[in-house]
C-alpha atoms as a PDB file:
ATOM      1  CA  MET A   1      13.952 -14.257 -10.069  1.00  0.00           C
ATOM      2  CA  SER A   2      11.518 -11.801  -8.335  1.00  0.00           C
ATOM      3  CA  TYR A   3       9.113 -10.126 -11.188  1.00  0.00           C
ATOM      4  CA  ALA A   4       8.556  -7.578  -8.567  1.00  0.00           C
ATOM      5  CA  ASP A   5      12.250  -6.606  -8.225  1.00  0.00           C
ATOM      6  CA  VAL A   6      12.067  -6.075 -12.022  1.00  0.00           C
ATOM      7  CA  VAL A   7       9.550  -4.168 -12.018  1.00  0.00           C
ATOM      8  CA  PHE A   8      10.735  -1.837  -9.058  1.00  0.00           C
ATOM      9  CA  ILE A   9      14.232  -1.259 -11.198  1.00  0.00           C
ATOM     10  CA  ASP A  10      11.986  -0.961 -14.602  1.00  0.00           C
ATOM     11  CA  MET A  11      10.142   2.241 -12.596  1.00  0.00           C
ATOM     12  CA  CYS A  12      13.035   3.338 -10.898  1.00  0.00           C
ATOM     13  CA  LYS A  13      15.414   3.314 -14.299  1.00  0.00           C
ATOM     14  CA  ASP A  14      12.595   5.301 -15.826  1.00  0.00           C
ATOM     15  CA  ILE A  15      11.839   7.755 -13.163  1.00  0.00           C
ATOM     16  CA  LEU A  16      15.824   8.570 -13.332  1.00  0.00           C
ATOM     17  CA  GLU A  17      16.623   8.745 -16.950  1.00  0.00           C
ATOM     18  CA  ASN A  18      12.973  10.858 -18.029  1.00  0.00           C
ATOM     19  CA  GLY A  19      11.644  11.898 -14.896  1.00  0.00           C
ATOM     20  CA  THR A  20      10.753  16.224 -14.032  1.00  0.00           C
ATOM     21  CA  SER A  21      13.029  17.658 -11.593  1.00  0.00           C
ATOM     22  CA  THR A  22      11.635  19.904  -8.802  1.00  0.00           C
ATOM     23  CA  GLU A  23      14.796  21.277  -8.070  1.00  0.00           C
ATOM     24  CA  GLY A  24      14.115  25.272  -7.338  1.00  0.00           C
ATOM     25  CA  GLU A  25      10.958  25.556  -6.930  1.00  0.00           C
ATOM     26  CA  LYS A  26       8.519  25.412  -4.123  1.00  0.00           C
ATOM     27  CA  VAL A  27       7.720  22.704  -2.207  1.00  0.00           C
ATOM     28  CA  ARG A  28       6.081  21.445   0.617  1.00  0.00           C
ATOM     29  CA  PRO A  29       8.539  18.826   1.628  1.00  0.00           C
ATOM     30  CA  HIS A  30      11.318  19.044   4.178  1.00  0.00           C
ATOM     31  CA  TRP A  31      14.303  17.411   5.313  1.00  0.00           C
ATOM     32  CA  PRO A  32      14.959  17.112   9.018  1.00  0.00           C
ATOM     33  CA  ASP A  33      17.354  19.896   8.854  1.00  0.00           C
ATOM     34  CA  GLY A  34      15.332  22.336   7.319  1.00  0.00           C
ATOM     35  CA  THR A  35      16.574  21.701   3.842  1.00  0.00           C
ATOM     36  CA  PRO A  36      13.924  21.161   1.221  1.00  0.00           C
ATOM     37  CA  ALA A  37      13.480  17.627   0.070  1.00  0.00           C
ATOM     38  CA  TYR A  38      13.694  17.816  -3.665  1.00  0.00           C
ATOM     39  CA  THR A  39      12.833  15.057  -5.679  1.00  0.00           C
ATOM     40  CA  ILE A  40      12.544  13.122  -9.202  1.00  0.00           C
ATOM     41  CA  LYS A  41       9.052  12.842 -10.295  1.00  0.00           C
ATOM     42  CA  LYS A  42       7.027  10.940 -13.242  1.00  0.00           C
ATOM     43  CA  PHE A  43       3.507  10.918 -13.548  1.00  0.00           C
ATOM     44  CA  GLY A  44       1.246   7.982 -13.952  1.00  0.00           C
ATOM     45  CA  VAL A  45       2.785   5.397 -13.139  1.00  0.00           C
ATOM     46  CA  VAL A  46       1.148   1.949 -13.412  1.00  0.00           C
ATOM     47  CA  ASN A  47       2.497  -1.619 -12.832  1.00  0.00           C
ATOM     48  CA  ARG A  48       0.284  -4.369 -12.503  1.00  0.00           C
ATOM     49  CA  TYR A  49       1.094  -7.764 -10.391  1.00  0.00           C
ATOM     50  CA  ASP A  50      -1.232 -10.916 -10.849  1.00  0.00           C
ATOM     51  CA  LEU A  51      -1.127 -11.957  -7.308  1.00  0.00           C
ATOM     52  CA  ARG A  52      -1.535 -15.486  -8.474  1.00  0.00           C
ATOM     53  CA  LYS A  53       1.370 -16.327  -9.990  1.00  0.00           C
ATOM     54  CA  GLU A  54       3.797 -14.437  -7.302  1.00  0.00           C
ATOM     55  CA  PHE A  55       3.991 -12.442  -4.044  1.00  0.00           C
ATOM     56  CA  PRO A  56       5.174  -9.086  -4.709  1.00  0.00           C
ATOM     57  CA  ILE A  57       8.036  -8.432  -2.668  1.00  0.00           C
ATOM     58  CA  LEU A  58      11.492  -7.422  -3.054  1.00  0.00           C
ATOM     59  CA  THR A  59      14.287  -9.713  -3.001  1.00  0.00           C
ATOM     60  CA  LEU A  60      16.343  -6.349  -4.005  1.00  0.00           C
ATOM     61  CA  ARG A  61      16.008  -5.671   0.380  1.00  0.00           C
ATOM     62  CA  LYS A  62      14.180  -6.729   2.746  1.00  0.00           C
ATOM     63  CA  THR A  63      10.241  -5.114   3.110  1.00  0.00           C
ATOM     64  CA  ALA A  64       8.760  -5.568   6.715  1.00  0.00           C
ATOM     65  CA  LEU A  65       5.922  -7.795   5.852  1.00  0.00           C
ATOM     66  CA  LYS A  66       4.700  -8.404   9.376  1.00  0.00           C
ATOM     67  CA  SER A  67       5.135  -4.724   9.828  1.00  0.00           C
ATOM     68  CA  ALA A  68       3.584  -3.780   6.611  1.00  0.00           C
ATOM     69  CA  THR A  69       0.461  -5.535   7.081  1.00  0.00           C
ATOM     70  CA  ASP A  70      -0.157  -4.498  10.661  1.00  0.00           C
ATOM     71  CA  GLU A  71      -0.164  -0.952   9.155  1.00  0.00           C
ATOM     72  CA  MET A  72      -3.093  -1.477   6.706  1.00  0.00           C
ATOM     73  CA  LEU A  73      -4.991  -3.751   9.283  1.00  0.00           C
ATOM     74  CA  TRP A  74      -4.263  -0.308  11.726  1.00  0.00           C
ATOM     75  CA  ILE A  75      -6.247   1.491   9.171  1.00  0.00           C
ATOM     76  CA  TRP A  76      -8.537  -1.098   7.288  1.00  0.00           C
ATOM     77  CA  GLN A  77      -9.134  -3.594  10.425  1.00  0.00           C
ATOM     78  CA  GLN A  78      -8.775  -1.455  13.455  1.00  0.00           C
ATOM     79  CA  LYS A  79     -10.003   1.961  11.726  1.00  0.00           C
ATOM     80  CA  SER A  80      -7.907   3.743  13.706  1.00  0.00           C
ATOM     81  CA  ASN A  81      -6.022   6.827  13.681  1.00  0.00           C
ATOM     82  CA  ASN A  82      -3.925   6.790  16.692  1.00  0.00           C
ATOM     83  CA  ILE A  83      -0.240   5.921  16.975  1.00  0.00           C
ATOM     84  CA  LYS A  84      -0.683   4.057  19.772  1.00  0.00           C
ATOM     85  CA  ASP A  85      -2.018   0.915  18.033  1.00  0.00           C
ATOM     86  CA  LEU A  86       0.385   0.773  15.943  1.00  0.00           C
ATOM     87  CA  HIS A  87       3.164  -1.582  16.963  1.00  0.00           C
ATOM     88  CA  SER A  88       5.524   0.305  14.564  1.00  0.00           C
ATOM     89  CA  HIS A  89       7.027   4.493  14.790  1.00  0.00           C
ATOM     90  CA  ILE A  90       6.033   5.311  11.448  1.00  0.00           C
ATOM     91  CA  TRP A  91       3.951   7.454  12.497  1.00  0.00           C
ATOM     92  CA  ASP A  92       5.346   9.619  14.956  1.00  0.00           C
ATOM     93  CA  GLU A  93       6.427  12.302  12.806  1.00  0.00           C
ATOM     94  CA  TRP A  94       2.831  12.663  11.970  1.00  0.00           C
ATOM     95  CA  ALA A  95       0.820  12.785  15.305  1.00  0.00           C
ATOM     96  CA  ASP A  96      -0.041  15.026  17.653  1.00  0.00           C
ATOM     97  CA  GLU A  97       0.620  15.056  21.290  1.00  0.00           C
ATOM     98  CA  ASN A  98      -1.167  12.485  22.086  1.00  0.00           C
ATOM     99  CA  GLY A  99      -0.764  10.107  19.255  1.00  0.00           C
ATOM    100  CA  SER A 100      -3.694  11.171  17.116  1.00  0.00           C
ATOM    101  CA  ILE A 101      -2.894  12.102  13.129  1.00  0.00           C
ATOM    102  CA  GLY A 102      -6.122  13.435  13.182  1.00  0.00           C
ATOM    103  CA  LYS A 103      -9.510  12.802  10.684  1.00  0.00           C
ATOM    104  CA  ALA A 104      -6.945  10.889   8.613  1.00  0.00           C
ATOM    105  CA  TYR A 105      -6.895   7.121   7.371  1.00  0.00           C
ATOM    106  CA  GLY A 106      -8.677   5.060   9.756  1.00  0.00           C
ATOM    107  CA  TYR A 107     -10.746   7.405  10.876  1.00  0.00           C
ATOM    108  CA  GLN A 108     -12.448   7.755   8.007  1.00  0.00           C
ATOM    109  CA  MET A 109     -12.642   4.018   7.542  1.00  0.00           C
ATOM    110  CA  SER A 110     -14.579   4.362  10.203  1.00  0.00           C
ATOM    111  CA  VAL A 111     -16.764   6.569   9.308  1.00  0.00           C
ATOM    112  CA  LYS A 112     -20.428   4.969   8.744  1.00  0.00           C
ATOM    113  CA  HIS A 113     -22.853   5.565   5.996  1.00  0.00           C
ATOM    114  CA  ASN A 114     -25.999   5.315   5.444  1.00  0.00           C
ATOM    115  CA  TYR A 115     -27.586   2.766   2.166  1.00  0.00           C
ATOM    116  CA  LYS A 116     -30.758   1.110   1.223  1.00  0.00           C
ATOM    117  CA  GLU A 117     -29.026  -2.403   3.286  1.00  0.00           C
ATOM    118  CA  GLY A 118     -28.270  -0.290   6.661  1.00  0.00           C
ATOM    119  CA  MET A 119     -25.647   1.532   8.179  1.00  0.00           C
ATOM    120  CA  MET A 120     -22.698   0.370   7.874  1.00  0.00           C
ATOM    121  CA  ASP A 121     -18.837   1.611   7.022  1.00  0.00           C
ATOM    122  CA  GLN A 122     -15.865   1.663   3.850  1.00  0.00           C
ATOM    123  CA  VAL A 123     -14.535  -1.850   5.146  1.00  0.00           C
ATOM    124  CA  ASP A 124     -17.971  -3.153   6.173  1.00  0.00           C
ATOM    125  CA  ARG A 125     -19.612  -2.005   2.636  1.00  0.00           C
ATOM    126  CA  VAL A 126     -16.901  -3.673   0.561  1.00  0.00           C
ATOM    127  CA  ILE A 127     -17.180  -7.093   2.113  1.00  0.00           C
ATOM    128  CA  TYR A 128     -20.364  -7.020   2.128  1.00  0.00           C
ATOM    129  CA  ASP A 129     -20.766  -6.552  -1.657  1.00  0.00           C
ATOM    130  CA  LEU A 130     -18.494  -8.955  -2.279  1.00  0.00           C
ATOM    131  CA  LYS A 131     -19.930 -11.502  -0.446  1.00  0.00           C
ATOM    132  CA  ASN A 132     -23.401 -10.152  -1.864  1.00  0.00           C
ATOM    133  CA  ASN A 133     -22.832  -7.935  -5.654  1.00  0.00           C
ATOM    134  CA  PRO A 134     -20.163  -9.294  -6.637  1.00  0.00           C
ATOM    135  CA  PHE A 135     -20.111  -7.918 -10.230  1.00  0.00           C
ATOM    136  CA  SER A 136     -21.080  -4.661  -8.902  1.00  0.00           C
ATOM    137  CA  ARG A 137     -18.929  -1.826 -10.541  1.00  0.00           C
ATOM    138  CA  ARG A 138     -19.224   0.205  -7.483  1.00  0.00           C
ATOM    139  CA  ILE A 139     -16.997  -1.547  -4.482  1.00  0.00           C
ATOM    140  CA  LEU A 140     -14.901   1.367  -3.320  1.00  0.00           C
ATOM    141  CA  THR A 141     -12.911   3.084  -0.888  1.00  0.00           C
ATOM    142  CA  ASN A 142     -11.982   6.425  -0.683  1.00  0.00           C
ATOM    143  CA  ILE A 143     -10.281   8.263   2.065  1.00  0.00           C
ATOM    144  CA  TYR A 144      -9.446  11.402   0.608  1.00  0.00           C
ATOM    145  CA  VAL A 145     -12.072  13.915   2.303  1.00  0.00           C
ATOM    146  CA  HIS A 146     -11.821  17.131   1.466  1.00  0.00           C
ATOM    147  CA  SER A 147     -14.289  18.427   4.061  1.00  0.00           C
ATOM    148  CA  ASP A 148     -11.960  16.873   6.238  1.00  0.00           C
ATOM    149  CA  LEU A 149      -8.442  17.382   5.217  1.00  0.00           C
ATOM    150  CA  SER A 150      -7.981  21.102   6.996  1.00  0.00           C
ATOM    151  CA  GLU A 151      -8.491  18.507  10.469  1.00  0.00           C
ATOM    152  CA  MET A 152      -6.128  15.770   8.883  1.00  0.00           C
ATOM    153  CA  ARG A 153      -2.086  16.018  10.054  1.00  0.00           C
ATOM    154  CA  LEU A 154      -0.732  14.333   6.455  1.00  0.00           C
ATOM    155  CA  TYR A 155      -3.141  14.628   3.645  1.00  0.00           C
ATOM    156  CA  PRO A 156      -3.669  10.339   2.763  1.00  0.00           C
ATOM    157  CA  CYS A 157      -1.179   9.445  -0.019  1.00  0.00           C
ATOM    158  CA  ALA A 158      -2.838   6.426  -0.712  1.00  0.00           C
ATOM    159  CA  TYR A 159      -6.428   7.002  -1.077  1.00  0.00           C
ATOM    160  CA  SER A 160      -8.838   4.805  -3.365  1.00  0.00           C
ATOM    161  CA  MET A 161      -9.289   1.204  -3.183  1.00  0.00           C
ATOM    162  CA  THR A 162     -11.151  -0.263  -6.167  1.00  0.00           C
ATOM    163  CA  PHE A 163     -12.237  -3.903  -6.140  1.00  0.00           C
ATOM    164  CA  ASN A 164     -13.614  -5.772  -9.367  1.00  0.00           C
ATOM    165  CA  VAL A 165     -14.736  -9.761  -9.668  1.00  0.00           C
ATOM    166  CA  THR A 166     -13.912 -11.113 -12.844  1.00  0.00           C
ATOM    167  CA  GLN A 167     -14.807 -15.034 -13.509  1.00  0.00           C
ATOM    168  CA  ARG A 168     -11.693 -17.158 -14.987  1.00  0.00           C
ATOM    169  CA  PRO A 169     -13.399 -20.073 -17.874  1.00  0.00           C
ATOM    170  CA  GLY A 170     -13.461 -23.280 -16.014  1.00  0.00           C
ATOM    171  CA  GLU A 171     -13.249 -21.967 -12.665  1.00  0.00           C
ATOM    172  CA  ASP A 172     -16.240 -22.074 -10.082  1.00  0.00           C
ATOM    173  CA  ARG A 173     -14.853 -19.742  -7.722  1.00  0.00           C
ATOM    174  CA  LEU A 174     -14.379 -15.984  -8.373  1.00  0.00           C
ATOM    175  CA  THR A 175     -11.419 -14.152  -9.194  1.00  0.00           C
ATOM    176  CA  LEU A 176     -11.036 -10.657  -7.062  1.00  0.00           C
ATOM    177  CA  ASN A 177      -9.086  -7.854  -8.828  1.00  0.00           C
ATOM    178  CA  ALA A 178      -7.973  -4.297  -6.939  1.00  0.00           C
ATOM    179  CA  ILE A 179      -6.817  -1.468  -8.007  1.00  0.00           C
ATOM    180  CA  LEU A 180      -4.654   1.275  -4.951  1.00  0.00           C
ATOM    181  CA  ASN A 181      -4.822   4.811  -6.016  1.00  0.00           C
ATOM    182  CA  GLN A 182      -1.695   6.774  -5.239  1.00  0.00           C
ATOM    183  CA  ARG A 183      -1.509  10.936  -4.967  1.00  0.00           C
ATOM    184  CA  SER A 184       1.746  10.567  -3.822  1.00  0.00           C
ATOM    185  CA  GLN A 185       4.777   7.518  -2.930  1.00  0.00           C
ATOM    186  CA  ASP A 186       8.416   7.922  -1.745  1.00  0.00           C
ATOM    187  CA  VAL A 187       9.262   5.330  -4.107  1.00  0.00           C
ATOM    188  CA  LEU A 188      12.548   4.121  -1.604  1.00  0.00           C
ATOM    189  CA  ALA A 189      10.881   4.882   1.267  1.00  0.00           C
ATOM    190  CA  ALA A 190       7.040   3.497   0.264  1.00  0.00           C
ATOM    191  CA  ASN A 191       6.833   1.570  -3.069  1.00  0.00           C
ATOM    192  CA  ASN A 192       7.214  -1.945  -2.408  1.00  0.00           C
ATOM    193  CA  TRP A 193       5.701  -0.934   1.444  1.00  0.00           C
ATOM    194  CA  ASN A 194       2.175  -0.515   0.226  1.00  0.00           C
ATOM    195  CA  VAL A 195       2.431  -2.745  -2.969  1.00  0.00           C
ATOM    196  CA  VAL A 196       2.800  -5.720   0.060  1.00  0.00           C
ATOM    197  CA  GLN A 197       0.537  -4.466   2.081  1.00  0.00           C
ATOM    198  CA  TYR A 198      -2.432  -3.371  -0.279  1.00  0.00           C
ATOM    199  CA  SER A 199      -1.407  -7.106  -1.975  1.00  0.00           C
ATOM    200  CA  VAL A 200      -2.276  -9.150   1.691  1.00  0.00           C
ATOM    201  CA  LEU A 201      -5.167  -6.941   2.015  1.00  0.00           C
ATOM    202  CA  VAL A 202      -6.491  -8.332  -1.255  1.00  0.00           C
ATOM    203  CA  HIS A 203      -5.265 -12.189  -0.036  1.00  0.00           C
ATOM    204  CA  MET A 204      -7.292 -11.694   3.054  1.00  0.00           C
ATOM    205  CA  LEU A 205     -10.294 -10.294   1.367  1.00  0.00           C
ATOM    206  CA  ALA A 206     -10.379 -12.711  -1.044  1.00  0.00           C
ATOM    207  CA  GLN A 207     -10.256 -15.796   1.240  1.00  0.00           C
ATOM    208  CA  VAL A 208     -12.606 -14.305   3.773  1.00  0.00           C
ATOM    209  CA  CYS A 209     -14.917 -14.087   0.490  1.00  0.00           C
ATOM    210  CA  ASP A 210     -14.304 -17.052  -0.748  1.00  0.00           C
ATOM    211  CA  MET A 211     -12.397 -16.112  -3.957  1.00  0.00           C
ATOM    212  CA  ASN A 212      -8.995 -16.731  -5.587  1.00  0.00           C
ATOM    213  CA  VAL A 213      -7.079 -13.710  -5.728  1.00  0.00           C
ATOM    214  CA  GLY A 214      -6.146 -11.933  -8.966  1.00  0.00           C
ATOM    215  CA  GLU A 215      -4.591  -9.174 -10.582  1.00  0.00           C
ATOM    216  CA  PHE A 216      -2.840  -5.876  -8.292  1.00  0.00           C
ATOM    217  CA  VAL A 217      -3.007  -2.777 -10.072  1.00  0.00           C
ATOM    218  CA  HIS A 218      -0.488   0.062  -8.358  1.00  0.00           C
ATOM    219  CA  VAL A 219      -1.280   2.987  -9.719  1.00  0.00           C
ATOM    220  CA  ILE A 220       0.778   6.693  -8.422  1.00  0.00           C
ATOM    221  CA  ALA A 221       0.079   9.731  -9.589  1.00  0.00           C
ATOM    222  CA  ASP A 222       3.250  11.068  -8.452  1.00  0.00           C
ATOM    223  CA  ALA A 223       6.029   8.984  -8.387  1.00  0.00           C
ATOM    224  CA  HIS A 224       8.833  10.718  -7.037  1.00  0.00           C
ATOM    225  CA  ILE A 225      13.018   9.515  -6.011  1.00  0.00           C
ATOM    226  CA  TYR A 226      14.069  11.974  -3.232  1.00  0.00           C
ATOM    227  CA  ASP A 227      17.427  14.071  -4.154  1.00  0.00           C
ATOM    228  CA  ARG A 228      19.049  12.449  -0.913  1.00  0.00           C
ATOM    229  CA  HIS A 229      17.850   8.773  -1.855  1.00  0.00           C
ATOM    230  CA  ILE A 230      19.706   9.075  -5.342  1.00  0.00           C
ATOM    231  CA  PRO A 231      22.415   7.024  -4.764  1.00  0.00           C
ATOM    232  CA  ALA A 232      21.075   4.173  -2.565  1.00  0.00           C
ATOM    233  CA  ILE A 233      18.191   4.103  -5.637  1.00  0.00           C
ATOM    234  CA  LYS A 234      21.044   3.353  -7.240  1.00  0.00           C
ATOM    235  CA  GLU A 235      23.310   1.337  -5.230  1.00  0.00           C
ATOM    236  CA  LEU A 236      19.494  -0.760  -5.141  1.00  0.00           C
ATOM    237  CA  ILE A 237      18.708  -1.169  -8.396  1.00  0.00           C
ATOM    238  CA  SER A 238      22.425  -2.704  -9.337  1.00  0.00           C
ATOM    239  CA  ARG A 239      21.587  -5.949  -7.276  1.00  0.00           C
ATOM    240  CA  GLU A 240      20.597  -8.718  -8.956  1.00  0.00           C
ATOM    241  CA  PRO A 241      16.885  -9.763  -8.514  1.00  0.00           C
ATOM    242  CA  LEU A 242      16.910 -12.952  -6.060  1.00  0.00           C
ATOM    243  CA  PRO A 243      13.768 -16.148  -6.339  1.00  0.00           C
ATOM    244  CA  ALA A 244      10.565 -14.459  -5.407  1.00  0.00           C
ATOM    245  CA  PRO A 245       9.595 -16.062  -2.096  1.00  0.00           C
ATOM    246  CA  LYS A 246       5.821 -17.888  -1.203  1.00  0.00           C
ATOM    247  CA  PHE A 247       2.988 -16.018   0.130  1.00  0.00           C
ATOM    248  CA  TRP A 248       1.832 -17.785   3.514  1.00  0.00           C
ATOM    249  CA  LEU A 249      -1.754 -16.591   5.019  1.00  0.00           C
ATOM    250  CA  ASN A 250      -3.548 -18.579   7.800  1.00  0.00           C
ATOM    251  CA  PRO A 251      -6.156 -20.744   5.971  1.00  0.00           C
ATOM    252  CA  ASP A 252      -8.506 -21.125   9.434  1.00  0.00           C
ATOM    253  CA  ILE A 253      -9.443 -16.972   9.330  1.00  0.00           C
ATOM    254  CA  HIS A 254     -12.477 -16.647   7.294  1.00  0.00           C
ATOM    255  CA  ASP A 255     -13.381 -12.941   9.103  1.00  0.00           C
ATOM    256  CA  PHE A 256     -11.619 -10.637   8.182  1.00  0.00           C
ATOM    257  CA  TYR A 257     -11.424  -9.002  11.684  1.00  0.00           C
ATOM    258  CA  GLU A 258      -9.813 -12.010  13.431  1.00  0.00           C
ATOM    259  CA  PHE A 259      -6.734 -11.277  11.394  1.00  0.00           C
ATOM    260  CA  THR A 260      -3.797 -10.471  12.668  1.00  0.00           C
ATOM    261  CA  ARG A 261      -0.059  -9.774  11.787  1.00  0.00           C
ATOM    262  CA  ASP A 262       1.221 -13.404  12.997  1.00  0.00           C
ATOM    263  CA  ASP A 263      -1.230 -14.732   9.821  1.00  0.00           C
ATOM    264  CA  VAL A 264       1.109 -13.767   7.380  1.00  0.00           C
ATOM    265  CA  LYS A 265       4.220 -15.564   6.307  1.00  0.00           C
ATOM    266  CA  VAL A 266       6.370 -15.173   3.517  1.00  0.00           C
ATOM    267  CA  GLU A 267       8.300 -18.497   3.110  1.00  0.00           C
ATOM    268  CA  GLY A 268      11.970 -18.799   1.734  1.00  0.00           C
ATOM    269  CA  TYR A 269      12.445 -15.201   0.946  1.00  0.00           C
ATOM    270  CA  GLU A 270      16.439 -14.603   0.848  1.00  0.00           C
ATOM    271  CA  THR A 271      17.073 -11.125   0.451  1.00  0.00           C
ATOM    272  CA  HIS A 272      20.246  -8.750  -0.036  1.00  0.00           C
ATOM    273  CA  PRO A 273      21.648  -6.741   2.234  1.00  0.00           C
ATOM    274  CA  GLN A 274      19.264  -3.651   4.046  1.00  0.00           C
ATOM    275  CA  ILE A 275      19.805  -0.054   2.809  1.00  0.00           C
ATOM    276  CA  THR A 276      19.882   1.483   6.473  1.00  0.00           C
ATOM    277  CA  ASP A 277      19.493   4.663   7.700  1.00  0.00           C
ATOM    278  CA  ILE A 278      17.329   6.444   5.273  1.00  0.00           C
ATOM    279  CA  GLU A 279      16.036   9.912   5.969  1.00  0.00           C
ATOM    280  CA  VAL A 280      12.556  10.594   5.377  1.00  0.00           C
ATOM    281  CA  ALA A 281      11.341  14.221   4.111  1.00  0.00           C
ATOM    282  CA  ILE A 282       8.726  15.324   5.738  1.00  0.00           C
END
C-alpha cells in the first residue's frame, strides 16, 4: 500500500481526535458566502518520506501530478508571480486585474542577491552550492520577506526549502535531502499537492546535480482541517490505500531550466474516486 496514504490517514486522525478548534475565535479566512472558516488544527506536524523507496502521491484520491509540477515550476523555474503563466486556475482568487499576486512566491525567487561569487537569485544559488559546495549547511531558500508582505496578495504558506546532502556508505553518488517549512496548510485542499510538487523538485535537482534522492521532510506549523471539509476528510481516510505508483522523470534533462510538466509521470497510478466540489476558504 502507498506509504503516503498511511501518513495522510494518521495525520488526519490525529488532527480530528487531538486538534484544537478555532470555532468562535477571530479568524481571517472565510467562505465565499462570507461565513467565517473555522478549523481543527494541530501544531508542529512533521511527516517524513523516503523518496528512494516510494513517490509520495495519494491513492485515496487522485493528485494531479502535472498541475502540481506546473505550479512548482511557475515559482521555481519561471519565477513568475502572474497567473497568466500558469496552466491552472488555483491562484485566481488572489490575483489582481492584471493577473499578478504581487511580490509573492515567484517574484521572491527572481530577486538577485550579491554573493562573493556574483549576483544570483535563490534558485541559482541552491543549484550552484549543490554542485560546488554540497556539504554546506547554508543551502536554503526563504520567500517570507517581511519588507514585502504588504505588497503580497497572499502571504507565502510554503515559505522555505532547506537542502542537505549526505553520503551513504558504499555509494559514490551523494544523496540529496530536503525540508519544506510551511507556516499553514489546508490539509484537504493542499497537503498532498505540496508533498508531490516538492518531491518532484527534489528529484529534479538531484538529477541535474548528479545525486540520488533521499528524504523529503515536511514541517507544518499549523496543519488544519476546515469545518466544511470534515465530512470529506472522514470519507477519504475510510478508504483502503492502494499500491504506490512508480515515478518517472525524463532522464535526458540535465538543466533545471529545461524541465516541463511533461517530463514527469507516474506509472501504474490507480486511485479511488476524486473528492469533488471542495470549497476553498479565502
